[in-house]
All heavy atoms as atom14 arrays in JSON, in Angstrom:
{
  "sequence": "GVEVEFVEIDWDNKILELQNKSIDVVWNGMTLTPEVTNAMACTNAYLN",
  "atom14_mask": [
    [1, 1, 1, 1, 0, 0, 0, 0, 0, 0, 0, 0, 0, 0],
    [1, 1, 1, 1, 1, 1, 1, 0, 0, 0, 0, 0, 0, 0],
    [1, 1, 1, 1, 1, 1, 1, 1, 1, 0, 0, 0, 0, 0],
    [1, 1, 1, 1, 1, 1, 1, 0, 0, 0, 0, 0, 0, 0],
    [1, 1, 1, 1, 1, 1, 1, 1, 1, 0, 0, 0, 0, 0],
    [1, 1, 1, 1, 1, 1, 1, 1, 1, 1, 1, 0, 0, 0],
    [1, 1, 1, 1, 1, 1, 1, 0, 0, 0, 0, 0, 0, 0],
    [1, 1, 1, 1, 1, 1, 1, 1, 1, 0, 0, 0, 0, 0],
    [1, 1, 1, 1, 1, 1, 1, 1, 0, 0, 0, 0, 0, 0],
    [1, 1, 1, 1, 1, 1, 1, 1, 0, 0, 0, 0, 0, 0],
    [1, 1, 1, 1, 1, 1, 1, 1, 1, 1, 1, 1, 1, 1],
    [1, 1, 1, 1, 1, 1, 1, 1, 0, 0, 0, 0, 0, 0],
    [1, 1, 1, 1, 1, 1, 1, 1, 0, 0, 0, 0, 0, 0],
    [1, 1, 1, 1, 1, 1, 1, 1, 1, 0, 0, 0, 0, 0],
    [1, 1, 1, 1, 1, 1, 1, 1, 0, 0, 0, 0, 0, 0],
    [1, 1, 1, 1, 1, 1, 1, 1, 0, 0, 0, 0, 0, 0],
    [1, 1, 1, 1, 1, 1, 1, 1, 1, 0, 0, 0, 0, 0],
    [1, 1, 1, 1, 1, 1, 1, 1, 0, 0, 0, 0, 0, 0],
    [1, 1, 1, 1, 1, 1, 1, 1, 1, 0, 0, 0, 0, 0],
    [1, 1, 1, 1, 1, 1, 1, 1, 0, 0, 0, 0, 0, 0],
    [1, 1, 1, 1, 1, 1, 1, 1, 1, 0, 0, 0, 0, 0],
    [1, 1, 1, 1, 1, 1, 0, 0, 0, 0, 0, 0, 0, 0],
    [1, 1, 1, 1, 1, 1, 1, 1, 0, 0, 0, 0, 0, 0],
    [1, 1, 1, 1, 1, 1, 1, 1, 0, 0, 0, 0, 0, 0],
    [1, 1, 1, 1, 1, 1, 1, 0, 0, 0, 0, 0, 0, 0],
    [1, 1, 1, 1, 1, 1, 1, 0, 0, 0, 0, 0, 0, 0],
    [1, 1, 1, 1, 1, 1, 1, 1, 1, 1, 1, 1, 1, 1],
    [1, 1, 1, 1, 1, 1, 1, 1, 0, 0, 0, 0, 0, 0],
    [1, 1, 1, 1, 0, 0, 0, 0, 0, 0, 0, 0, 0, 0],
    [1, 1, 1, 1, 1, 1, 1, 1, 0, 0, 0, 0, 0, 0],
    [1, 1, 1, 1, 1, 1, 1, 0, 0, 0, 0, 0, 0, 0],
    [1, 1, 1, 1, 1, 1, 1, 1, 0, 0, 0, 0, 0, 0],
    [1, 1, 1, 1, 1, 1, 1, 0, 0, 0, 0, 0, 0, 0],
    [1, 1, 1, 1, 1, 1, 1, 0, 0, 0, 0, 0, 0, 0],
    [1, 1, 1, 1, 1, 1, 1, 1, 1, 0, 0, 0, 0, 0],
    [1, 1, 1, 1, 1, 1, 1, 0, 0, 0, 0, 0, 0, 0],
    [1, 1, 1, 1, 1, 1, 1, 0, 0, 0, 0, 0, 0, 0],
    [1, 1, 1, 1, 1, 1, 1, 1, 0, 0, 0, 0, 0, 0],
    [1, 1, 1, 1, 1, 0, 0, 0, 0, 0, 0, 0, 0, 0],
    [1, 1, 1, 1, 1, 1, 1, 1, 0, 0, 0, 0, 0, 0],
    [1, 1, 1, 1, 1, 0, 0, 0, 0, 0, 0, 0, 0, 0],
    [1, 1, 1, 1, 1, 1, 0, 0, 0, 0, 0, 0, 0, 0],
    [1, 1, 1, 1, 1, 1, 1, 0, 0, 0, 0, 0, 0, 0],
    [1, 1, 1, 1, 1, 1, 1, 1, 0, 0, 0, 0, 0, 0],
    [1, 1, 1, 1, 1, 0, 0, 0, 0, 0, 0, 0, 0, 0],
    [1, 1, 1, 1, 1, 1, 1, 1, 1, 1, 1, 1, 0, 0],
    [1, 1, 1, 1, 1, 1, 1, 1, 0, 0, 0, 0, 0, 0],
    [1, 1, 1, 1, 1, 1, 1, 1, 0, 0, 0, 0, 0, 0]
  ],
  "atom14_positions": [
    [[6.56, 5.33, 17.48], [5.97, 5.68, 18.74], [4.41, 5.82, 18.58], [3.82, 6.59, 19.3], [0.0, 0.0, 0.0], [0.0, 0.0, 0.0], [0.0, 0.0, 0.0], [0.0, 0.0, 0.0], [0.0, 0.0, 0.0], [0.0, 0.0, 0.0], [0.0, 0.0, 0.0], [0.0, 0.0, 0.0], [0.0, 0.0, 0.0], [0.0, 0.0, 0.0]],
    [[3.82, 5.07, 17.67], [2.33, 5.08, 17.4], [1.78, 3.69, 17.48], [2.5, 2.68, 17.43], [2.03, 5.7, 16.04], [2.6, 7.17, 15.97], [2.65, 4.85, 14.93], [0.0, 0.0, 0.0], [0.0, 0.0, 0.0], [0.0, 0.0, 0.0], [0.0, 0.0, 0.0], [0.0, 0.0, 0.0], [0.0, 0.0, 0.0], [0.0, 0.0, 0.0]],
    [[0.47, 3.58, 17.57], [-0.23, 2.33, 17.48], [-0.37, 1.95, 15.98], [-0.34, 2.8, 15.15], [-1.7, 2.46, 18.06], [-1.6, 2.86, 19.58], [-1.11, 1.79, 20.51], [-1.39, 0.61, 20.22], [-0.35, 2.05, 21.41], [0.0, 0.0, 0.0], [0.0, 0.0, 0.0], [0.0, 0.0, 0.0], [0.0, 0.0, 0.0], [0.0, 0.0, 0.0]],
    [[-0.55, 0.63, 15.79], [-0.8, 0.14, 14.49], [-2.25, -0.2, 14.39], [-2.83, -0.81, 15.29], [0.16, -1.12, 14.1], [-0.18, -2.26, 15.02], [0.01, -1.47, 12.64], [0.0, 0.0, 0.0], [0.0, 0.0, 0.0], [0.0, 0.0, 0.0], [0.0, 0.0, 0.0], [0.0, 0.0, 0.0], [0.0, 0.0, 0.0], [0.0, 0.0, 0.0]],
    [[-2.8, 0.09, 13.2], [-4.24, -0.24, 12.98], [-4.25, -0.91, 11.6], [-3.85, -0.35, 10.54], [-5.13, 1.01, 12.89], [-6.56, 0.77, 12.62], [-7.4, 1.97, 12.33], [-6.75, 3.1, 12.22], [-8.65, 1.95, 12.34], [0.0, 0.0, 0.0], [0.0, 0.0, 0.0], [0.0, 0.0, 0.0], [0.0, 0.0, 0.0], [0.0, 0.0, 0.0]],
    [[-4.77, -2.14, 11.55], [-4.94, -2.88, 10.33], [-6.36, -2.71, 9.78], [-7.35, -2.94, 10.48], [-4.62, -4.4, 10.51], [-3.23, -4.63, 10.95], [-2.91, -4.87, 12.24], [-2.19, -4.52, 9.98], [-1.57, -5.07, 12.65], [-0.88, -4.77, 10.38], [-0.56, -5.07, 11.75], [0.0, 0.0, 0.0], [0.0, 0.0, 0.0], [0.0, 0.0, 0.0]],
    [[-6.44, -2.4, 8.44], [-7.77, -2.17, 7.8], [-7.83, -3.09, 6.56], [-7.01, -2.92, 5.65], [-7.95, -0.69, 7.42], [-9.21, -0.47, 6.66], [-7.86, 0.21, 8.66], [0.0, 0.0, 0.0], [0.0, 0.0, 0.0], [0.0, 0.0, 0.0], [0.0, 0.0, 0.0], [0.0, 0.0, 0.0], [0.0, 0.0, 0.0], [0.0, 0.0, 0.0]],
    [[-8.82, -3.87, 6.54], [-9.01, -4.74, 5.29], [-9.57, -3.79, 4.17], [-10.53, -3.06, 4.39], [-10.02, -5.82, 5.56], [-9.39, -7.02, 6.27], [-10.26, -8.23, 6.27], [-10.19, -9.0, 5.24], [-11.11, -8.38, 7.24], [0.0, 0.0, 0.0], [0.0, 0.0, 0.0], [0.0, 0.0, 0.0], [0.0, 0.0, 0.0], [0.0, 0.0, 0.0]],
    [[-8.95, -3.92, 3.02], [-9.33, -3.05, 1.95], [-9.67, -3.93, 0.73], [-9.31, -5.17, 0.65], [-8.22, -2.13, 1.47], [-6.87, -2.95, 1.06], [-7.83, -1.19, 2.6], [-5.8, -2.08, 0.46], [0.0, 0.0, 0.0], [0.0, 0.0, 0.0], [0.0, 0.0, 0.0], [0.0, 0.0, 0.0], [0.0, 0.0, 0.0], [0.0, 0.0, 0.0]],
    [[-10.38, -3.36, -0.26], [-10.59, -3.94, -1.52], [-9.37, -3.71, -2.29], [-8.94, -2.57, -2.54], [-11.75, -3.25, -2.19], [-12.15, -3.94, -3.59], [-11.26, -4.34, -4.29], [-13.38, -3.91, -3.94], [0.0, 0.0, 0.0], [0.0, 0.0, 0.0], [0.0, 0.0, 0.0], [0.0, 0.0, 0.0], [0.0, 0.0, 0.0], [0.0, 0.0, 0.0]],
    [[-8.7, -4.77, -2.71], [-7.34, -4.7, -3.36], [-7.44, -3.79, -4.59], [-6.41, -3.1, -4.87], [-6.84, -6.1, -3.76], [-5.36, -6.13, -3.92], [-4.7, -6.5, -5.13], [-4.32, -5.76, -3.0], [-3.36, -6.38, -4.95], [-3.1, -5.91, -3.65], [-4.27, -5.32, -1.72], [-1.83, -5.73, -3.13], [-3.07, -5.1, -1.08], [-1.85, -5.26, -1.84]],
    [[-8.46, -3.74, -5.24], [-8.64, -2.89, -6.5], [-8.51, -1.43, -6.16], [-8.25, -0.61, -7.01], [-9.95, -3.19, -7.23], [-9.82, -4.36, -8.2], [-8.7, -4.74, -8.59], [-10.84, -4.86, -8.69], [0.0, 0.0, 0.0], [0.0, 0.0, 0.0], [0.0, 0.0, 0.0], [0.0, 0.0, 0.0], [0.0, 0.0, 0.0], [0.0, 0.0, 0.0]],
    [[-8.91, -1.11, -4.91], [-8.96, 0.24, -4.47], [-7.8, 0.75, -3.67], [-7.86, 1.82, -3.08], [-10.31, 0.49, -3.72], [-11.47, 0.35, -4.58], [-11.48, 0.45, -5.8], [-12.57, -0.09, -3.86], [0.0, 0.0, 0.0], [0.0, 0.0, 0.0], [0.0, 0.0, 0.0], [0.0, 0.0, 0.0], [0.0, 0.0, 0.0], [0.0, 0.0, 0.0]],
    [[-6.74, 0.05, -3.66], [-5.63, 0.28, -2.8], [-4.93, 1.68, -3.05], [-4.6, 2.35, -2.07], [-4.54, -0.74, -2.88], [-4.0, -1.07, -4.3], [-3.07, -2.25, -4.21], [-2.54, -2.67, -5.58], [-3.63, -3.21, -6.43], [0.0, 0.0, 0.0], [0.0, 0.0, 0.0], [0.0, 0.0, 0.0], [0.0, 0.0, 0.0], [0.0, 0.0, 0.0]],
    [[-4.89, 2.06, -4.24], [-4.24, 3.39, -4.61], [-5.24, 4.56, -4.1], [-4.77, 5.5, -3.5], [-3.99, 3.53, -6.1], [-3.01, 2.45, -6.51], [-3.56, 4.91, -6.47], [-2.82, 2.35, -8.05], [0.0, 0.0, 0.0], [0.0, 0.0, 0.0], [0.0, 0.0, 0.0], [0.0, 0.0, 0.0], [0.0, 0.0, 0.0], [0.0, 0.0, 0.0]],
    [[-6.48, 4.38, -4.32], [-7.5, 5.37, -3.9], [-7.51, 5.45, -2.38], [-7.62, 6.56, -1.78], [-8.86, 5.03, -4.39], [-10.06, 5.96, -4.06], [-9.82, 7.33, -4.63], [-11.34, 5.38, -4.58], [0.0, 0.0, 0.0], [0.0, 0.0, 0.0], [0.0, 0.0, 0.0], [0.0, 0.0, 0.0], [0.0, 0.0, 0.0], [0.0, 0.0, 0.0]],
    [[-7.44, 4.37, -1.67], [-7.43, 4.27, -0.24], [-6.22, 5.13, 0.3], [-6.36, 5.85, 1.29], [-7.35, 2.79, 0.3], [-8.51, 1.97, -0.05], [-9.67, 2.2, 0.89], [-9.61, 3.04, 1.72], [-10.59, 1.34, 0.81], [0.0, 0.0, 0.0], [0.0, 0.0, 0.0], [0.0, 0.0, 0.0], [0.0, 0.0, 0.0], [0.0, 0.0, 0.0]],
    [[-5.03, 4.97, -0.32], [-3.91, 5.79, 0.08], [-4.17, 7.24, -0.09], [-3.86, 8.08, 0.72], [-2.64, 5.4, -0.7], [-1.83, 4.18, -0.28], [-0.74, 3.85, -1.26], [-1.33, 4.34, 1.11], [0.0, 0.0, 0.0], [0.0, 0.0, 0.0], [0.0, 0.0, 0.0], [0.0, 0.0, 0.0], [0.0, 0.0, 0.0], [0.0, 0.0, 0.0]],
    [[-4.65, 7.56, -1.29], [-4.82, 8.95, -1.75], [-5.77, 9.68, -0.85], [-5.61, 10.88, -0.45], [-5.29, 9.03, -3.16], [-4.19, 8.67, -4.19], [-4.71, 8.59, -5.61], [-5.85, 8.51, -5.9], [-3.77, 8.57, -6.58], [0.0, 0.0, 0.0], [0.0, 0.0, 0.0], [0.0, 0.0, 0.0], [0.0, 0.0, 0.0], [0.0, 0.0, 0.0]],
    [[-6.93, 9.02, -0.44], [-7.85, 9.74, 0.48], [-7.57, 9.58, 1.95], [-8.39, 9.97, 2.76], [-9.19, 9.22, 0.09], [-9.56, 7.76, 0.44], [-8.87, 7.16, 1.26], [-10.57, 7.22, -0.19], [0.0, 0.0, 0.0], [0.0, 0.0, 0.0], [0.0, 0.0, 0.0], [0.0, 0.0, 0.0], [0.0, 0.0, 0.0], [0.0, 0.0, 0.0]],
    [[-6.42, 8.96, 2.23], [-5.9, 8.81, 3.59], [-6.81, 7.93, 4.51], [-6.81, 8.0, 5.69], [-5.71, 10.23, 4.26], [-4.56, 11.0, 3.69], [-4.17, 12.14, 4.54], [-2.85, 12.83, 3.99], [-2.46, 13.93, 4.84], [0.0, 0.0, 0.0], [0.0, 0.0, 0.0], [0.0, 0.0, 0.0], [0.0, 0.0, 0.0], [0.0, 0.0, 0.0]],
    [[-7.52, 7.02, 3.86], [-8.15, 5.99, 4.64], [-7.09, 5.05, 5.24], [-7.39, 4.45, 6.33], [-9.07, 5.16, 3.65], [-10.07, 5.94, 3.13], [0.0, 0.0, 0.0], [0.0, 0.0, 0.0], [0.0, 0.0, 0.0], [0.0, 0.0, 0.0], [0.0, 0.0, 0.0], [0.0, 0.0, 0.0], [0.0, 0.0, 0.0], [0.0, 0.0, 0.0]],
    [[-6.01, 4.91, 4.55], [-4.79, 4.13, 5.06], [-3.58, 4.94, 4.88], [-3.59, 5.89, 4.07], [-4.72, 2.79, 4.33], [-4.52, 2.92, 2.8], [-5.91, 1.89, 4.71], [-4.26, 1.57, 2.12], [0.0, 0.0, 0.0], [0.0, 0.0, 0.0], [0.0, 0.0, 0.0], [0.0, 0.0, 0.0], [0.0, 0.0, 0.0], [0.0, 0.0, 0.0]],
    [[-2.47, 4.56, 5.5], [-1.26, 5.25, 5.34], [-0.27, 4.49, 4.53], [0.69, 5.0, 3.9], [-0.61, 5.54, 6.73], [-1.48, 6.36, 7.69], [-1.95, 7.43, 7.06], [-1.57, 6.03, 8.78], [0.0, 0.0, 0.0], [0.0, 0.0, 0.0], [0.0, 0.0, 0.0], [0.0, 0.0, 0.0], [0.0, 0.0, 0.0], [0.0, 0.0, 0.0]],
    [[-0.47, 3.15, 4.45], [0.49, 2.3, 3.74], [-0.21, 0.98, 3.28], [-1.14, 0.58, 3.93], [1.67, 1.92, 4.69], [1.24, 1.23, 5.94], [2.81, 1.15, 4.0], [0.0, 0.0, 0.0], [0.0, 0.0, 0.0], [0.0, 0.0, 0.0], [0.0, 0.0, 0.0], [0.0, 0.0, 0.0], [0.0, 0.0, 0.0], [0.0, 0.0, 0.0]],
    [[0.22, 0.5, 2.21], [-0.25, -0.85, 1.64], [0.93, -1.82, 1.95], [1.89, -1.77, 1.44], [-0.57, -0.86, 0.16], [-0.99, -2.18, -0.27], [-1.67, 0.17, -0.12], [0.0, 0.0, 0.0], [0.0, 0.0, 0.0], [0.0, 0.0, 0.0], [0.0, 0.0, 0.0], [0.0, 0.0, 0.0], [0.0, 0.0, 0.0], [0.0, 0.0, 0.0]],
    [[0.57, -2.79, 2.85], [1.69, -3.66, 3.43], [1.06, -5.08, 3.37], [0.67, -5.58, 4.43], [2.09, -3.21, 4.76], [3.47, -3.69, 5.14], [4.11, -4.84, 4.75], [4.37, -3.05, 6.03], [5.35, -4.94, 5.31], [5.51, -3.76, 6.19], [4.31, -1.85, 6.76], [6.66, -3.46, 6.94], [5.35, -1.55, 7.6], [6.55, -2.3, 7.67]],
    [[1.12, -5.68, 2.27], [0.3, -6.97, 2.21], [0.77, -7.83, 1.03], [0.09, -8.26, 0.17], [-1.2, -6.63, 1.89], [-2.15, -7.75, 2.0], [-2.38, -8.25, 3.01], [-2.68, -8.2, 0.89], [0.0, 0.0, 0.0], [0.0, 0.0, 0.0], [0.0, 0.0, 0.0], [0.0, 0.0, 0.0], [0.0, 0.0, 0.0], [0.0, 0.0, 0.0]],
    [[2.15, -8.12, 0.99], [2.64, -8.89, -0.07], [2.38, -8.3, -1.44], [1.81, -9.02, -2.29], [0.0, 0.0, 0.0], [0.0, 0.0, 0.0], [0.0, 0.0, 0.0], [0.0, 0.0, 0.0], [0.0, 0.0, 0.0], [0.0, 0.0, 0.0], [0.0, 0.0, 0.0], [0.0, 0.0, 0.0], [0.0, 0.0, 0.0], [0.0, 0.0, 0.0]],
    [[2.66, -7.14, -1.57], [2.27, -6.39, -2.8], [3.41, -6.44, -3.85], [4.52, -6.11, -3.6], [1.97, -4.91, -2.53], [1.54, -4.11, -3.8], [1.09, -2.44, -3.41], [2.6, -1.75, -2.74], [0.0, 0.0, 0.0], [0.0, 0.0, 0.0], [0.0, 0.0, 0.0], [0.0, 0.0, 0.0], [0.0, 0.0, 0.0], [0.0, 0.0, 0.0]],
    [[3.07, -7.0, -5.01], [4.05, -7.15, -6.15], [4.42, -5.68, -6.69], [3.49, -4.84, -6.9], [3.54, -8.01, -7.21], [3.18, -9.27, -6.68], [4.57, -8.23, -8.32], [0.0, 0.0, 0.0], [0.0, 0.0, 0.0], [0.0, 0.0, 0.0], [0.0, 0.0, 0.0], [0.0, 0.0, 0.0], [0.0, 0.0, 0.0], [0.0, 0.0, 0.0]],
    [[5.7, -5.42, -6.88], [6.11, -4.17, -7.44], [5.89, -4.15, -8.96], [6.85, -4.24, -9.77], [7.55, -3.94, -7.1], [7.84, -3.7, -5.61], [9.34, -3.63, -5.29], [7.18, -2.46, -5.11], [0.0, 0.0, 0.0], [0.0, 0.0, 0.0], [0.0, 0.0, 0.0], [0.0, 0.0, 0.0], [0.0, 0.0, 0.0], [0.0, 0.0, 0.0]],
    [[4.68, -3.98, -9.35], [4.35, -3.9, -10.79], [4.5, -2.37, -11.25], [4.53, -1.44, -10.41], [2.89, -4.31, -11.02], [2.04, -3.36, -10.31], [2.57, -5.74, -10.54], [0.0, 0.0, 0.0], [0.0, 0.0, 0.0], [0.0, 0.0, 0.0], [0.0, 0.0, 0.0], [0.0, 0.0, 0.0], [0.0, 0.0, 0.0], [0.0, 0.0, 0.0]],
    [[4.58, -2.15, -12.55], [4.64, -0.79, -13.01], [3.53, 0.08, -12.52], [3.65, 1.27, -12.18], [4.66, -0.9, -14.57], [5.34, -2.32, -14.8], [4.78, -3.12, -13.61], [0.0, 0.0, 0.0], [0.0, 0.0, 0.0], [0.0, 0.0, 0.0], [0.0, 0.0, 0.0], [0.0, 0.0, 0.0], [0.0, 0.0, 0.0], [0.0, 0.0, 0.0]],
    [[2.23, -0.47, -12.53], [1.13, 0.31, -12.01], [1.34, 0.73, -10.62], [1.09, 1.86, -10.24], [-0.15, -0.59, -12.09], [-1.4, 0.11, -11.54], [-2.48, -0.86, -11.2], [-2.25, -2.06, -11.07], [-3.65, -0.35, -11.02], [0.0, 0.0, 0.0], [0.0, 0.0, 0.0], [0.0, 0.0, 0.0], [0.0, 0.0, 0.0], [0.0, 0.0, 0.0]],
    [[1.82, -0.19, -9.76], [2.04, 0.21, -8.36], [3.2, 1.2, -8.12], [3.03, 2.25, -7.45], [2.38, -1.1, -7.56], [3.08, -0.7, -6.23], [1.22, -1.98, -7.35], [0.0, 0.0, 0.0], [0.0, 0.0, 0.0], [0.0, 0.0, 0.0], [0.0, 0.0, 0.0], [0.0, 0.0, 0.0], [0.0, 0.0, 0.0], [0.0, 0.0, 0.0]],
    [[4.39, 1.01, -8.83], [5.47, 1.88, -8.63], [5.25, 3.27, -9.2], [5.82, 4.27, -8.82], [6.75, 1.31, -9.24], [6.47, 0.99, -10.58], [7.1, 0.03, -8.46], [0.0, 0.0, 0.0], [0.0, 0.0, 0.0], [0.0, 0.0, 0.0], [0.0, 0.0, 0.0], [0.0, 0.0, 0.0], [0.0, 0.0, 0.0], [0.0, 0.0, 0.0]],
    [[4.32, 3.39, -10.29], [3.95, 4.66, -10.84], [3.03, 5.49, -9.98], [3.01, 6.7, -10.05], [3.42, 4.51, -12.24], [4.42, 4.08, -13.28], [5.57, 4.4, -13.12], [3.98, 3.46, -14.26], [0.0, 0.0, 0.0], [0.0, 0.0, 0.0], [0.0, 0.0, 0.0], [0.0, 0.0, 0.0], [0.0, 0.0, 0.0], [0.0, 0.0, 0.0]],
    [[2.19, 4.72, -9.18], [1.19, 5.39, -8.44], [1.58, 5.58, -6.94], [0.81, 6.35, -6.28], [-0.16, 4.62, -8.53], [0.0, 0.0, 0.0], [0.0, 0.0, 0.0], [0.0, 0.0, 0.0], [0.0, 0.0, 0.0], [0.0, 0.0, 0.0], [0.0, 0.0, 0.0], [0.0, 0.0, 0.0], [0.0, 0.0, 0.0], [0.0, 0.0, 0.0]],
    [[2.54, 4.89, -6.49], [2.9, 4.99, -5.02], [4.35, 5.28, -4.87], [5.18, 5.09, -5.71], [2.63, 3.65, -4.39], [1.23, 3.12, -4.4], [1.08, 1.54, -3.52], [-0.56, 1.01, -4.08], [0.0, 0.0, 0.0], [0.0, 0.0, 0.0], [0.0, 0.0, 0.0], [0.0, 0.0, 0.0], [0.0, 0.0, 0.0], [0.0, 0.0, 0.0]],
    [[4.74, 5.73, -3.62], [6.03, 5.83, -3.19], [6.39, 4.49, -2.62], [5.78, 4.13, -1.6], [6.3, 6.92, -2.23], [0.0, 0.0, 0.0], [0.0, 0.0, 0.0], [0.0, 0.0, 0.0], [0.0, 0.0, 0.0], [0.0, 0.0, 0.0], [0.0, 0.0, 0.0], [0.0, 0.0, 0.0], [0.0, 0.0, 0.0], [0.0, 0.0, 0.0]],
    [[7.22, 3.65, -3.18], [7.37, 2.26, -2.79], [8.8, 2.07, -2.13], [9.67, 2.75, -2.47], [7.25, 1.33, -3.97], [5.56, 1.25, -4.65], [0.0, 0.0, 0.0], [0.0, 0.0, 0.0], [0.0, 0.0, 0.0], [0.0, 0.0, 0.0], [0.0, 0.0, 0.0], [0.0, 0.0, 0.0], [0.0, 0.0, 0.0], [0.0, 0.0, 0.0]],
    [[8.78, 1.19, -1.17], [10.02, 0.77, -0.57], [10.91, -0.05, -1.5], [10.39, -0.48, -2.55], [9.73, -0.01, 0.68], [9.18, -1.26, 0.32], [8.8, 0.74, 1.62], [0.0, 0.0, 0.0], [0.0, 0.0, 0.0], [0.0, 0.0, 0.0], [0.0, 0.0, 0.0], [0.0, 0.0, 0.0], [0.0, 0.0, 0.0], [0.0, 0.0, 0.0]],
    [[12.03, -0.39, -1.09], [12.84, -1.34, -1.78], [12.19, -2.74, -1.67], [11.43, -2.96, -0.7], [14.26, -1.47, -1.2], [15.02, -0.13, -1.34], [14.79, 0.66, -2.22], [15.88, 0.2, -0.38], [0.0, 0.0, 0.0], [0.0, 0.0, 0.0], [0.0, 0.0, 0.0], [0.0, 0.0, 0.0], [0.0, 0.0, 0.0], [0.0, 0.0, 0.0]],
    [[12.53, -3.62, -2.54], [12.02, -5.06, -2.44], [12.49, -5.66, -1.14], [13.69, -5.5, -0.82], [12.38, -5.83, -3.62], [0.0, 0.0, 0.0], [0.0, 0.0, 0.0], [0.0, 0.0, 0.0], [0.0, 0.0, 0.0], [0.0, 0.0, 0.0], [0.0, 0.0, 0.0], [0.0, 0.0, 0.0], [0.0, 0.0, 0.0], [0.0, 0.0, 0.0]],
    [[11.67, -6.43, -0.46], [12.12, -7.08, 0.74], [11.86, -8.58, 0.75], [12.32, -9.31, 1.65], [11.45, -6.43, 2.01], [9.94, -6.55, 1.98], [9.37, -7.52, 2.91], [9.07, -5.93, 1.23], [7.98, -7.73, 2.99], [7.71, -6.05, 1.21], [7.13, -6.94, 2.09], [5.84, -7.18, 2.22], [0.0, 0.0, 0.0], [0.0, 0.0, 0.0]],
    [[11.11, -9.07, -0.22], [10.76, -10.51, -0.38], [10.69, -10.87, -1.8], [10.14, -10.11, -2.62], [9.42, -10.92, 0.34], [9.36, -11.22, 1.8], [8.02, -11.7, 2.2], [10.43, -12.25, 2.18], [0.0, 0.0, 0.0], [0.0, 0.0, 0.0], [0.0, 0.0, 0.0], [0.0, 0.0, 0.0], [0.0, 0.0, 0.0], [0.0, 0.0, 0.0]],
    [[11.15, -12.02, -2.2], [10.92, -12.66, -3.54], [9.69, -13.5, -3.54], [9.33, -14.08, -2.57], [12.15, -13.42, -3.94], [13.42, -12.56, -4.24], [13.29, -11.6, -4.91], [14.5, -12.97, -3.68], [0.0, 0.0, 0.0], [0.0, 0.0, 0.0], [0.0, 0.0, 0.0], [0.0, 0.0, 0.0], [0.0, 0.0, 0.0], [0.0, 0.0, 0.0]]
  ]
}
């Protein structure tokens, strides 16, 4: 029940962007690497 807002980010800073609440979610064909899964709450895989 909310609007969606897309914000272009520097991919290197995606974790920091989440932490400081500049964004709410990283949704951009993101590979589930150990770095990502250790630093974020990640969804299940949805694409190969």
